[in-house]
Amino acid sequence: MLVFIVGASSWLELLLRTRVLRRWRRLLLTLLLASVPFVLWDVLAVHLGHWSFDPDAVLSLRLGGLPLEEWLFFPVVGFAAILTLEAVRSVRGRPMGDEES
């Protein structure tokens, strides 16, 4: 599913020239700041037994009690969201939301 998300959104970078990858430092900082709280929340929730992951549905590689897919989920979905936002901005050709003022 994560590969599908990247594949389904990465064409926006090329076709609509979103320039997300050109600003890779900004992208990494944004993904880091958005992902860390959610990963920590996941680690805590698994540790406390609030939820778990079916071993038959995930890879066996785990870090901090989370499967690899869970570690990758937040940056991958964040990347897709940023690409989508920048694609909408590119198509509109003008600022959106609170940036209009």
PDB file of N, CA and C in Angstrom:
ATOM      1  N   MET A   1       0.819  -1.183   0.000  1.00  0.00           N
ATOM      2  CA  MET A   1       0.000   0.000   0.000  1.00  0.00           C
ATOM      3  C   MET A   1       0.870   1.257   0.000  1.00  0.00           C
ATOM      4  N   LEU A   2       1.968   1.232   0.753  1.00  0.00           N
ATOM      5  CA  LEU A   2       2.851   2.405   0.797  1.00  0.00           C
ATOM      6  C   LEU A   2       3.480   2.690  -0.563  1.00  0.00           C
ATOM      7  N   VAL A   3       3.841   1.648  -1.272  1.00  0.00           N
ATOM      8  CA  VAL A   3       4.400   1.816  -2.626  1.00  0.00           C
ATOM      9  C   VAL A   3       3.341   2.413  -3.545  1.00  0.00           C
ATOM     10  N   PHE A   4       2.100   1.967  -3.407  1.00  0.00           N
ATOM     11  CA  PHE A   4       1.007   2.517  -4.205  1.00  0.00           C
ATOM     12  C   PHE A   4       0.823   4.008  -3.919  1.00  0.00           C
ATOM     13  N   ILE A   5       0.876   4.393  -2.656  1.00  0.00           N
ATOM     14  CA  ILE A   5       0.705   5.806  -2.288  1.00  0.00           C
ATOM     15  C   ILE A   5       1.797   6.660  -2.925  1.00  0.00           C
ATOM     16  N   VAL A   6       3.031   6.214  -2.848  1.00  0.00           N
ATOM     17  CA  VAL A   6       4.138   6.962  -3.454  1.00  0.00           C
ATOM     18  C   VAL A   6       3.960   7.024  -4.972  1.00  0.00           C
ATOM     19  N   GLY A   7       3.631   5.888  -5.571  1.00  0.00           N
ATOM     20  CA  GLY A   7       3.447   5.850  -7.021  1.00  0.00           C
ATOM     21  C   GLY A   7       2.278   6.698  -7.498  1.00  0.00           C
ATOM     22  N   ALA A   8       1.213   6.699  -6.723  1.00  0.00           N
ATOM     23  CA  ALA A   8       0.021   7.442  -7.123  1.00  0.00           C
ATOM     24  C   ALA A   8       0.181   8.948  -6.966  1.00  0.00           C
ATOM     25  N   SER A   9       1.128   9.386  -6.151  1.00  0.00           N
ATOM     26  CA  SER A   9       1.290  10.826  -5.941  1.00  0.00           C
ATOM     27  C   SER A   9       2.579  11.391  -6.532  1.00  0.00           C
ATOM     28  N   SER A  10       3.578  10.578  -6.765  1.00  0.00           N
ATOM     29  CA  SER A  10       4.872  11.104  -7.207  1.00  0.00           C
ATOM     30  C   SER A  10       4.821  11.707  -8.609  1.00  0.00           C
ATOM     31  N   TRP A  11       3.887  11.297  -9.435  1.00  0.00           N
ATOM     32  CA  TRP A  11       3.780  11.876 -10.772  1.00  0.00           C
ATOM     33  C   TRP A  11       3.468  13.370 -10.704  1.00  0.00           C
ATOM     34  N   LEU A  12       2.889  13.823  -9.606  1.00  0.00           N
ATOM     35  CA  LEU A  12       2.569  15.244  -9.457  1.00  0.00           C
ATOM     36  C   LEU A  12       3.828  16.099  -9.502  1.00  0.00           C
ATOM     37  N   GLU A  13       4.912  15.574  -8.960  1.00  0.00           N
ATOM     38  CA  GLU A  13       6.182  16.293  -8.955  1.00  0.00           C
ATOM     39  C   GLU A  13       6.644  16.555 -10.387  1.00  0.00           C
ATOM     40  N   LEU A  14       6.522  15.571 -11.233  1.00  0.00           N
ATOM     41  CA  LEU A  14       7.005  15.698 -12.611  1.00  0.00           C
ATOM     42  C   LEU A  14       6.031  16.454 -13.506  1.00  0.00           C
ATOM     43  N   LEU A  15       4.788  16.064 -13.456  1.00  0.00           N
ATOM     44  CA  LEU A  15       3.803  16.608 -14.385  1.00  0.00           C
ATOM     45  C   LEU A  15       3.407  18.045 -14.049  1.00  0.00           C
ATOM     46  N   LEU A  16       3.215  18.332 -12.780  1.00  0.00           N
ATOM     47  CA  LEU A  16       2.750  19.662 -12.388  1.00  0.00           C
ATOM     48  C   LEU A  16       3.863  20.543 -11.832  1.00  0.00           C
ATOM     49  N   ARG A  17       5.082  20.019 -11.820  1.00  0.00           N
ATOM     50  CA  ARG A  17       6.256  20.777 -11.370  1.00  0.00           C
ATOM     51  C   ARG A  17       6.037  21.411  -9.990  1.00  0.00           C
ATOM     52  N   THR A  18       5.733  20.580  -9.036  1.00  0.00           N
ATOM     53  CA  THR A  18       5.467  21.075  -7.682  1.00  0.00           C
ATOM     54  C   THR A  18       6.733  21.534  -6.959  1.00  0.00           C
ATOM     55  N   ARG A  19       7.886  21.072  -7.398  1.00  0.00           N
ATOM     56  CA  ARG A  19       9.189  21.432  -6.823  1.00  0.00           C
ATOM     57  C   ARG A  19       9.345  21.009  -5.361  1.00  0.00           C
ATOM     58  N   VAL A  20       8.610  19.999  -4.961  1.00  0.00           N
ATOM     59  CA  VAL A  20       8.718  19.508  -3.576  1.00  0.00           C
ATOM     60  C   VAL A  20      10.089  18.874  -3.359  1.00  0.00           C
ATOM     61  N   LEU A  21      10.553  18.091  -4.282  1.00  0.00           N
ATOM     62  CA  LEU A  21      11.842  17.412  -4.115  1.00  0.00           C
ATOM     63  C   LEU A  21      13.023  18.367  -4.238  1.00  0.00           C
ATOM     64  N   ARG A  22      12.855  19.447  -4.953  1.00  0.00           N
ATOM     65  CA  ARG A  22      13.934  20.446  -5.040  1.00  0.00           C
ATOM     66  C   ARG A  22      14.161  21.117  -3.693  1.00  0.00           C
ATOM     67  N   ARG A  23      13.119  21.212  -2.910  1.00  0.00           N
ATOM     68  CA  ARG A  23      13.221  21.811  -1.572  1.00  0.00           C
ATOM     69  C   ARG A  23      13.294  20.675  -0.547  1.00  0.00           C
ATOM     70  N   TRP A  24      14.258  19.794  -0.742  1.00  0.00           N
ATOM     71  CA  TRP A  24      14.324  18.568   0.042  1.00  0.00           C
ATOM     72  C   TRP A  24      14.577  18.821   1.531  1.00  0.00           C
ATOM     73  N   ARG A  25      15.301  19.860   1.874  1.00  0.00           N
ATOM     74  CA  ARG A  25      15.525  20.147   3.305  1.00  0.00           C
ATOM     75  C   ARG A  25      14.212  20.510   3.992  1.00  0.00           C
ATOM     76  N   ARG A  26      13.432  21.339   3.331  1.00  0.00           N
ATOM     77  CA  ARG A  26      12.121  21.731   3.872  1.00  0.00           C
ATOM     78  C   ARG A  26      11.211  20.505   3.981  1.00  0.00           C
ATOM     79  N   LEU A  27      11.250  19.666   2.967  1.00  0.00           N
ATOM     80  CA  LEU A  27      10.437  18.446   2.969  1.00  0.00           C
ATOM     81  C   LEU A  27      10.820  17.541   4.134  1.00  0.00           C
ATOM     82  N   LEU A  28      12.114  17.286   4.300  1.00  0.00           N
ATOM     83  CA  LEU A  28      12.562  16.404   5.383  1.00  0.00           C
ATOM     84  C   LEU A  28      12.215  16.964   6.756  1.00  0.00           C
ATOM     85  N   LEU A  29      12.402  18.261   6.935  1.00  0.00           N
ATOM     86  CA  LEU A  29      12.058  18.880   8.213  1.00  0.00           C
ATOM     87  C   LEU A  29      10.559  18.768   8.496  1.00  0.00           C
ATOM     88  N   THR A  30       9.756  19.027   7.492  1.00  0.00           N
ATOM     89  CA  THR A  30       8.302  18.921   7.653  1.00  0.00           C
ATOM     90  C   THR A  30       7.885  17.500   7.988  1.00  0.00           C
ATOM     91  N   LEU A  31       8.424  16.534   7.253  1.00  0.00           N
ATOM     92  CA  LEU A  31       8.074  15.134   7.508  1.00  0.00           C
ATOM     93  C   LEU A  31       8.544  14.690   8.890  1.00  0.00           C
ATOM     94  N   LEU A  32       9.719  15.135   9.283  1.00  0.00           N
ATOM     95  CA  LEU A  32      10.237  14.789  10.605  1.00  0.00           C
ATOM     96  C   LEU A  32       9.354  15.364  11.710  1.00  0.00           C
ATOM     97  N   LEU A  33       9.035  16.643  11.599  1.00  0.00           N
ATOM     98  CA  LEU A  33       8.209  17.284  12.629  1.00  0.00           C
ATOM     99  C   LEU A  33       6.798  16.705  12.687  1.00  0.00           C
ATOM    100  N   ALA A  34       6.284  16.273  11.559  1.00  0.00           N
ATOM    101  CA  ALA A  34       4.935  15.698  11.541  1.00  0.00           C
ATOM    102  C   ALA A  34       4.935  14.231  11.961  1.00  0.00           C
ATOM    103  N   SER A  35       5.987  13.502  11.648  1.00  0.00           N
ATOM    104  CA  SER A  35       6.012  12.062  11.895  1.00  0.00           C
ATOM    105  C   SER A  35       6.381  11.690  13.325  1.00  0.00           C
ATOM    106  N   VAL A  36       7.325  12.394  13.905  1.00  0.00           N
ATOM    107  CA  VAL A  36       7.842  12.021  15.228  1.00  0.00           C
ATOM    108  C   VAL A  36       6.744  11.918  16.291  1.00  0.00           C
ATOM    109  N   PRO A  37       5.865  12.900  16.435  1.00  0.00           N
ATOM    110  CA  PRO A  37       4.829  12.762  17.476  1.00  0.00           C
ATOM    111  C   PRO A  37       3.926  11.548  17.266  1.00  0.00           C
ATOM    112  N   PHE A  38       3.595  11.264  16.017  1.00  0.00           N
ATOM    113  CA  PHE A  38       2.713  10.126  15.751  1.00  0.00           C
ATOM    114  C   PHE A  38       3.415   8.794  15.979  1.00  0.00           C
ATOM    115  N   VAL A  39       4.692   8.710  15.621  1.00  0.00           N
ATOM    116  CA  VAL A  39       5.438   7.474  15.874  1.00  0.00           C
ATOM    117  C   VAL A  39       5.576   7.261  17.377  1.00  0.00           C
ATOM    118  N   LEU A  40       5.883   8.311  18.116  1.00  0.00           N
ATOM    119  CA  LEU A  40       5.981   8.181  19.577  1.00  0.00           C
ATOM    120  C   LEU A  40       4.648   7.756  20.180  1.00  0.00           C
ATOM    121  N   TRP A  41       3.581   8.317  19.682  1.00  0.00           N
ATOM    122  CA  TRP A  41       2.238   7.942  20.136  1.00  0.00           C
ATOM    123  C   TRP A  41       1.978   6.470  19.848  1.00  0.00           C
ATOM    124  N   ASP A  42       2.338   6.014  18.655  1.00  0.00           N
ATOM    125  CA  ASP A  42       2.180   4.605  18.295  1.00  0.00           C
ATOM    126  C   ASP A  42       2.982   3.700  19.221  1.00  0.00           C
ATOM    127  N   VAL A  43       4.253   4.051  19.449  1.00  0.00           N
ATOM    128  CA  VAL A  43       5.112   3.240  20.314  1.00  0.00           C
ATOM    129  C   VAL A  43       4.496   3.126  21.707  1.00  0.00           C
ATOM    130  N   LEU A  44       4.043   4.247  22.239  1.00  0.00           N
ATOM    131  CA  LEU A  44       3.428   4.253  23.561  1.00  0.00           C
ATOM    132  C   LEU A  44       2.144   3.419  23.578  1.00  0.00           C
ATOM    133  N   ALA A  45       1.302   3.587  22.585  1.00  0.00           N
ATOM    134  CA  ALA A  45       0.032   2.853  22.539  1.00  0.00           C
ATOM    135  C   ALA A  45       0.260   1.345  22.437  1.00  0.00           C
ATOM    136  N   VAL A  46       1.241   0.936  21.657  1.00  0.00           N
ATOM    137  CA  VAL A  46       1.551  -0.503  21.554  1.00  0.00           C
ATOM    138  C   VAL A  46       2.117  -1.004  22.874  1.00  0.00           C
ATOM    139  N   HIS A  47       3.016  -0.227  23.459  1.00  0.00           N
ATOM    140  CA  HIS A  47       3.618  -0.604  24.736  1.00  0.00           C
ATOM    141  C   HIS A  47       2.560  -0.760  25.833  1.00  0.00           C
ATOM    142  N   LEU A  48       1.577   0.129  25.838  1.00  0.00           N
ATOM    143  CA  LEU A  48       0.508   0.073  26.848  1.00  0.00           C
ATOM    144  C   LEU A  48      -0.573  -0.946  26.507  1.00  0.00           C
ATOM    145  N   GLY A  49      -0.481  -1.547  25.333  1.00  0.00           N
ATOM    146  CA  GLY A  49      -1.444  -2.565  24.946  1.00  0.00           C
ATOM    147  C   GLY A  49      -2.755  -2.031  24.391  1.00  0.00           C
ATOM    148  N   HIS A  50      -2.780  -0.749  24.010  1.00  0.00           N
ATOM    149  CA  HIS A  50      -3.998  -0.179  23.440  1.00  0.00           C
ATOM    150  C   HIS A  50      -4.298  -0.744  22.062  1.00  0.00           C
ATOM    151  N   TRP A  51      -3.257  -1.053  21.301  1.00  0.00           N
ATOM    152  CA  TRP A  51      -3.439  -1.741  20.039  1.00  0.00           C
ATOM    153  C   TRP A  51      -2.194  -2.527  19.693  1.00  0.00           C
ATOM    154  N   SER A  52      -2.349  -3.366  18.690  1.00  0.00           N
ATOM    155  CA  SER A  52      -1.237  -4.211  18.261  1.00  0.00           C
ATOM    156  C   SER A  52      -1.330  -4.400  16.753  1.00  0.00           C
ATOM    157  N   PHE A  53      -0.357  -5.099  16.210  1.00  0.00           N
ATOM    158  CA  PHE A  53      -0.313  -5.349  14.782  1.00  0.00           C
ATOM    159  C   PHE A  53      -0.319  -6.850  14.550  1.00  0.00           C
ATOM    160  N   ASP A  54      -1.156  -7.295  13.645  1.00  0.00           N
ATOM    161  CA  ASP A  54      -1.262  -8.708  13.306  1.00  0.00           C
ATOM    162  C   ASP A  54       0.039  -9.163  12.647  1.00  0.00           C
ATOM    163  N   PRO A  55       0.763 -10.093  13.246  1.00  0.00           N
ATOM    164  CA  PRO A  55       2.048 -10.525  12.681  1.00  0.00           C
ATOM    165  C   PRO A  55       1.918 -11.139  11.288  1.00  0.00           C
ATOM    166  N   ASP A  56       0.741 -11.642  10.949  1.00  0.00           N
ATOM    167  CA  ASP A  56       0.535 -12.207   9.615  1.00  0.00           C
ATOM    168  C   ASP A  56       0.316 -11.132   8.557  1.00  0.00           C
ATOM    169  N   ALA A  57       0.062  -9.903   8.966  1.00  0.00           N
ATOM    170  CA  ALA A  57      -0.251  -8.830   8.024  1.00  0.00           C
ATOM    171  C   ALA A  57       0.884  -7.821   7.854  1.00  0.00           C
ATOM    172  N   VAL A  58       1.959  -7.974   8.624  1.00  0.00           N
ATOM    173  CA  VAL A  58       3.074  -7.029   8.537  1.00  0.00           C
ATOM    174  C   VAL A  58       4.384  -7.790   8.395  1.00  0.00           C
ATOM    175  N   LEU A  59       5.428  -7.055   8.006  1.00  0.00           N
ATOM    176  CA  LEU A  59       6.753  -7.665   7.923  1.00  0.00           C
ATOM    177  C   LEU A  59       7.259  -7.973   9.329  1.00  0.00           C
ATOM    178  N   SER A  60       8.202  -8.874   9.424  1.00  0.00           N
ATOM    179  CA  SER A  60       8.693  -9.283  10.742  1.00  0.00           C
ATOM    180  C   SER A  60       9.663  -8.273  11.354  1.00  0.00           C
ATOM    181  N   LEU A  61      10.211  -7.356  10.554  1.00  0.00           N
ATOM    182  CA  LEU A  61      11.152  -6.369  11.065  1.00  0.00           C
ATOM    183  C   LEU A  61      10.417  -5.344  11.926  1.00  0.00           C
ATOM    184  N   ARG A  62      10.831  -5.244  13.191  1.00  0.00           N
ATOM    185  CA  ARG A  62      10.213  -4.299  14.125  1.00  0.00           C
ATOM    186  C   ARG A  62      11.282  -3.431  14.764  1.00  0.00           C
ATOM    187  N   LEU A  63      10.917  -2.181  14.964  1.00  0.00           N
ATOM    188  CA  LEU A  63      11.788  -1.224  15.657  1.00  0.00           C
ATOM    189  C   LEU A  63      10.956  -0.559  16.732  1.00  0.00           C
ATOM    190  N   GLY A  64      11.396  -0.619  17.963  1.00  0.00           N
ATOM    191  CA  GLY A  64      10.640  -0.009  19.052  1.00  0.00           C
ATOM    192  C   GLY A  64       9.250  -0.587  19.225  1.00  0.00           C
ATOM    193  N   GLY A  65       9.071  -1.826  18.840  1.00  0.00           N
ATOM    194  CA  GLY A  65       7.769  -2.463  18.969  1.00  0.00           C
ATOM    195  C   GLY A  65       6.838  -2.228  17.794  1.00  0.00           C
ATOM    196  N   LEU A  66       7.254  -1.398  16.831  1.00  0.00           N
ATOM    197  CA  LEU A  66       6.422  -1.116  15.663  1.00  0.00           C
ATOM    198  C   LEU A  66       6.983  -1.814  14.435  1.00  0.00           C
ATOM    199  N   PRO A  67       6.105  -2.340  13.595  1.00  0.00           N
ATOM    200  CA  PRO A  67       6.589  -2.915  12.342  1.00  0.00           C
ATOM    201  C   PRO A  67       7.136  -1.823  11.415  1.00  0.00           C
ATOM    202  N   LEU A  68       8.017  -2.213  10.533  1.00  0.00           N
ATOM    203  CA  LEU A  68       8.640  -1.273   9.603  1.00  0.00           C
ATOM    204  C   LEU A  68       7.597  -0.451   8.853  1.00  0.00           C
ATOM    205  N   GLU A  69       6.512  -1.079   8.446  1.00  0.00           N
ATOM    206  CA  GLU A  69       5.472  -0.380   7.691  1.00  0.00           C
ATOM    207  C   GLU A  69       4.884   0.787   8.477  1.00  0.00           C
ATOM    208  N   GLU A  70       4.771   0.637   9.780  1.00  0.00           N
ATOM    209  CA  GLU A  70       4.205   1.707  10.603  1.00  0.00           C
ATOM    210  C   GLU A  70       5.173   2.887  10.683  1.00  0.00           C
ATOM    211  N   TRP A  71       6.462   2.594  10.751  1.00  0.00           N
ATOM    212  CA  TRP A  71       7.469   3.663  10.753  1.00  0.00           C
ATOM    213  C   TRP A  71       7.427   4.430   9.440  1.00  0.00           C
ATOM    214  N   LEU A  72       7.179   3.736   8.345  1.00  0.00           N
ATOM    215  CA  LEU A  72       7.165   4.369   7.029  1.00  0.00           C
ATOM    216  C   LEU A  72       5.847   5.058   6.709  1.00  0.00           C
ATOM    217  N   PHE A  73       4.779   4.651   7.377  1.00  0.00           N
ATOM    218  CA  PHE A  73       3.445   5.173   7.068  1.00  0.00           C
ATOM    219  C   PHE A  73       3.382   6.694   7.151  1.00  0.00           C
ATOM    220  N   PHE A  74       3.823   7.273   8.238  1.00  0.00           N
ATOM    221  CA  PHE A  74       3.667   8.717   8.441  1.00  0.00           C
ATOM    222  C   PHE A  74       4.480   9.553   7.450  1.00  0.00           C
ATOM    223  N   PRO A  75       5.758   9.249   7.205  1.00  0.00           N
ATOM    224  CA  PRO A  75       6.463  10.033   6.192  1.00  0.00           C
ATOM    225  C   PRO A  75       5.920   9.827   4.781  1.00  0.00           C
ATOM    226  N   VAL A  76       5.495   8.616   4.456  1.00  0.00           N
ATOM    227  CA  VAL A  76       4.972   8.356   3.106  1.00  0.00           C
ATOM    228  C   VAL A  76       3.657   9.100   2.881  1.00  0.00           C
ATOM    229  N   VAL A  77       2.746   9.004   3.817  1.00  0.00           N
ATOM    230  CA  VAL A  77       1.463   9.698   3.682  1.00  0.00           C
ATOM    231  C   VAL A  77       1.671  11.209   3.752  1.00  0.00           C
ATOM    232  N   GLY A  78       2.588  11.662   4.601  1.00  0.00           N
ATOM    233  CA  GLY A  78       2.907  13.085   4.653  1.00  0.00           C
ATOM    234  C   GLY A  78       3.469  13.591   3.334  1.00  0.00           C
ATOM    235  N   PHE A  79       4.358  12.821   2.726  1.00  0.00           N
ATOM    236  CA  PHE A  79       4.922  13.164   1.426  1.00  0.00           C
ATOM    237  C   PHE A  79       3.824  13.288   0.376  1.00  0.00           C
ATOM    238  N   ALA A  80       2.917  12.331   0.353  1.00  0.00           N
ATOM    239  CA  ALA A  80       1.805  12.369  -0.602  1.00  0.00           C
ATOM    240  C   ALA A  80       0.911  13.581  -0.359  1.00  0.00           C
ATOM    241  N   ALA A  81       0.671  13.902   0.899  1.00  0.00           N
ATOM    242  CA  ALA A  81      -0.167  15.062   1.222  1.00  0.00           C
ATOM    243  C   ALA A  81       0.501  16.360   0.775  1.00  0.00           C
ATOM    244  N   ILE A  82       1.800  16.481   0.999  1.00  0.00           N
ATOM    245  CA  ILE A  82       2.522  17.687   0.589  1.00  0.00           C
ATOM    246  C   ILE A  82       2.511  17.813  -0.930  1.00  0.00           C
ATOM    247  N   LEU A  83       2.757  16.712  -1.630  1.00  0.00           N
ATOM    248  CA  LEU A  83       2.710  16.747  -3.089  1.00  0.00           C
ATOM    249  C   LEU A  83       1.333  17.162  -3.585  1.00  0.00           C
ATOM    250  N   THR A  84       0.296  16.639  -2.959  1.00  0.00           N
ATOM    251  CA  THR A  84      -1.065  16.971  -3.368  1.00  0.00           C
ATOM    252  C   THR A  84      -1.360  18.451  -3.132  1.00  0.00           C
ATOM    253  N   LEU A  85      -0.994  18.965  -1.976  1.00  0.00           N
ATOM    254  CA  LEU A  85      -1.204  20.382  -1.681  1.00  0.00           C
ATOM    255  C   LEU A  85      -0.462  21.261  -2.686  1.00  0.00           C
ATOM    256  N   GLU A  86       0.790  20.944  -2.942  1.00  0.00           N
ATOM    257  CA  GLU A  86       1.568  21.741  -3.889  1.00  0.00           C
ATOM    258  C   GLU A  86       1.026  21.613  -5.306  1.00  0.00           C
ATOM    259  N   ALA A  87       0.468  20.464  -5.663  1.00  0.00           N
ATOM    260  CA  ALA A  87      -0.143  20.293  -6.983  1.00  0.00           C
ATOM    261  C   ALA A  87      -1.380  21.174  -7.123  1.00  0.00           C
ATOM    262  N   VAL A  88      -2.186  21.237  -6.075  1.00  0.00           N
ATOM    263  CA  VAL A  88      -3.369  22.107  -6.108  1.00  0.00           C
ATOM    264  C   VAL A  88      -2.932  23.560  -6.227  1.00  0.00           C
ATOM    265  N   ARG A  89      -1.916  23.943  -5.492  1.00  0.00           N
ATOM    266  CA  ARG A  89      -1.399  25.312  -5.596  1.00  0.00           C
ATOM    267  C   ARG A  89      -0.904  25.600  -7.012  1.00  0.00           C
ATOM    268  N   SER A  90      -0.237  24.635  -7.605  1.00  0.00           N
ATOM    269  CA  SER A  90       0.294  24.802  -8.956  1.00  0.00           C
ATOM    270  C   SER A  90      -0.826  24.978  -9.973  1.00  0.00           C
ATOM    271  N   VAL A  91      -1.863  24.190  -9.848  1.00  0.00           N
ATOM    272  CA  VAL A  91      -2.980  24.259 -10.788  1.00  0.00           C
ATOM    273  C   VAL A  91      -3.752  25.556 -10.609  1.00  0.00           C
ATOM    274  N   ARG A  92      -3.961  25.952  -9.376  1.00  0.00           N
ATOM    275  CA  ARG A  92      -4.701  27.187  -9.089  1.00  0.00           C
ATOM    276  C   ARG A  92      -3.914  28.429  -9.501  1.00  0.00           C
ATOM    277  N   GLY A  93      -2.607  28.369  -9.373  1.00  0.00           N
ATOM    278  CA  GLY A  93      -1.777  29.493  -9.740  1.00  0.00           C
ATOM    279  C   GLY A  93      -1.863  30.680  -8.821  1.00  0.00           C
ATOM    280  N   ARG A  94      -2.438  30.483  -7.670  1.00  0.00           N
ATOM    281  CA  ARG A  94      -2.530  31.561  -6.686  1.00  0.00           C
ATOM    282  C   ARG A  94      -2.578  30.952  -5.291  1.00  0.00           C
ATOM    283  N   PRO A  95      -2.328  31.757  -4.246  1.00  0.00           N
ATOM    284  CA  PRO A  95      -2.319  31.234  -2.874  1.00  0.00           C
ATOM    285  C   PRO A  95      -3.674  30.647  -2.481  1.00  0.00           C
ATOM    286  N   MET A  96      -3.629  29.808  -1.454  1.00  0.00           N
ATOM    287  CA  MET A  96      -4.844  29.164  -0.962  1.00  0.00           C
ATOM    288  C   MET A  96      -5.054  29.505   0.513  1.00  0.00           C
ATOM    289  N   GLY A  97      -6.285  29.418   0.948  1.00  0.00           N
ATOM    290  CA  GLY A  97      -6.622  29.515   2.364  1.00  0.00           C
ATOM    291  C   GLY A  97      -6.110  30.768   3.021  1.00  0.00           C
ATOM    292  N   ASP A  98      -5.419  30.599   4.150  1.00  0.00           N
ATOM    293  CA  ASP A  98      -4.956  31.754   4.923  1.00  0.00           C
ATOM    294  C   ASP A  98      -3.801  32.487   4.240  1.00  0.00           C
ATOM    295  N   GLU A  99      -3.262  31.948   3.162  1.00  0.00           N
ATOM    296  CA  GLU A  99      -2.188  32.606   2.451  1.00  0.00           C
ATOM    297  C   GLU A  99      -2.691  33.726   1.547  1.00  0.00           C
ATOM    298  N   GLU A 100      -4.010  33.805   1.344  1.00  0.00           N
ATOM    299  CA  GLU A 100      -4.569  34.795   0.443  1.00  0.00           C
ATOM    300  C   GLU A 100      -4.526  36.211   1.011  1.00  0.00           C
ATOM    301  N   SER A 101      -4.445  36.350   2.322  1.00  0.00           N
ATOM    302  CA  SER A 101      -4.479  37.698   2.881  1.00  0.00           C
ATOM    303  C   SER A 101      -3.152  38.383   2.859  1.00  0.00           C
TER     304      SER A 101
END
